[in-house]
Amino acid sequence: MPFEFEPQRIKDVILVKPKVFGDNRGFFMESYKKSEFFANGIDVEFNQDNHSKSTAHVLRGLHYQEKPYAQAKLVRCSRGRIYDVAVDIRPESETFGQYVKVELSEENKHMLFIPEGFAHGFVVLSDEAELLYKASGEYAPQADRGILWCDKDINIDWGIDFEPILSEKDRAQKSLKEIFRKIGR
């Protein structure tokens, strides 16, 4: 099997560890194989691939799309090193408001599968980082939403000792409580 699938402490979030074949010429790995992913509970059709580049200390997130445009994601850091975070925002979930944090890097080549119903964010720990990720749905600007990265109720340990660089959009997000109070949670 070219992958190891490691369920995380929140149901349906899965760390994917590809088998890497390396020698003095470089390496080869499969980064996605539908049959393997489906056989291991990731039965999602991916419809869009994204590629982002960020500089040191950038924090992006916490982003999600509202239903019916919700997206599952498969995230990989192809250059540099990040902490990747997924926050459960499924109102009916027993882990609502909890998060998973993993290190993704060009060295470990791990990927994080994040199902629909999660907000996603990451912070760059290296000089630069590039992320490649698959999304189950296409970007829908009318459904684009976010949660404040430093929400005190979620209390994410970003593992950083610096002030992150944020977009104006991310700086102005509301807390999880404020967002879900509006929809009756």
Foldseek 3Di string as FASTA:
>chain_A
DQWDWADDPFPPKTKIFGHWADDPVGIDTDPDDQVVCVVVPNNFDFDDKDKDKDFAQAKDFQKFFDPPQTKKKKKAKQAAKKWKKKAACDVVDPRHLEMDIDMHHNVRRMIIIGGTRIGIMMTGHGRMIMMMMTIRGDDDVVGMAGAAPCAPSSRDPRVDDDNGDYDPRNNPHYHSCVVVVVVPD
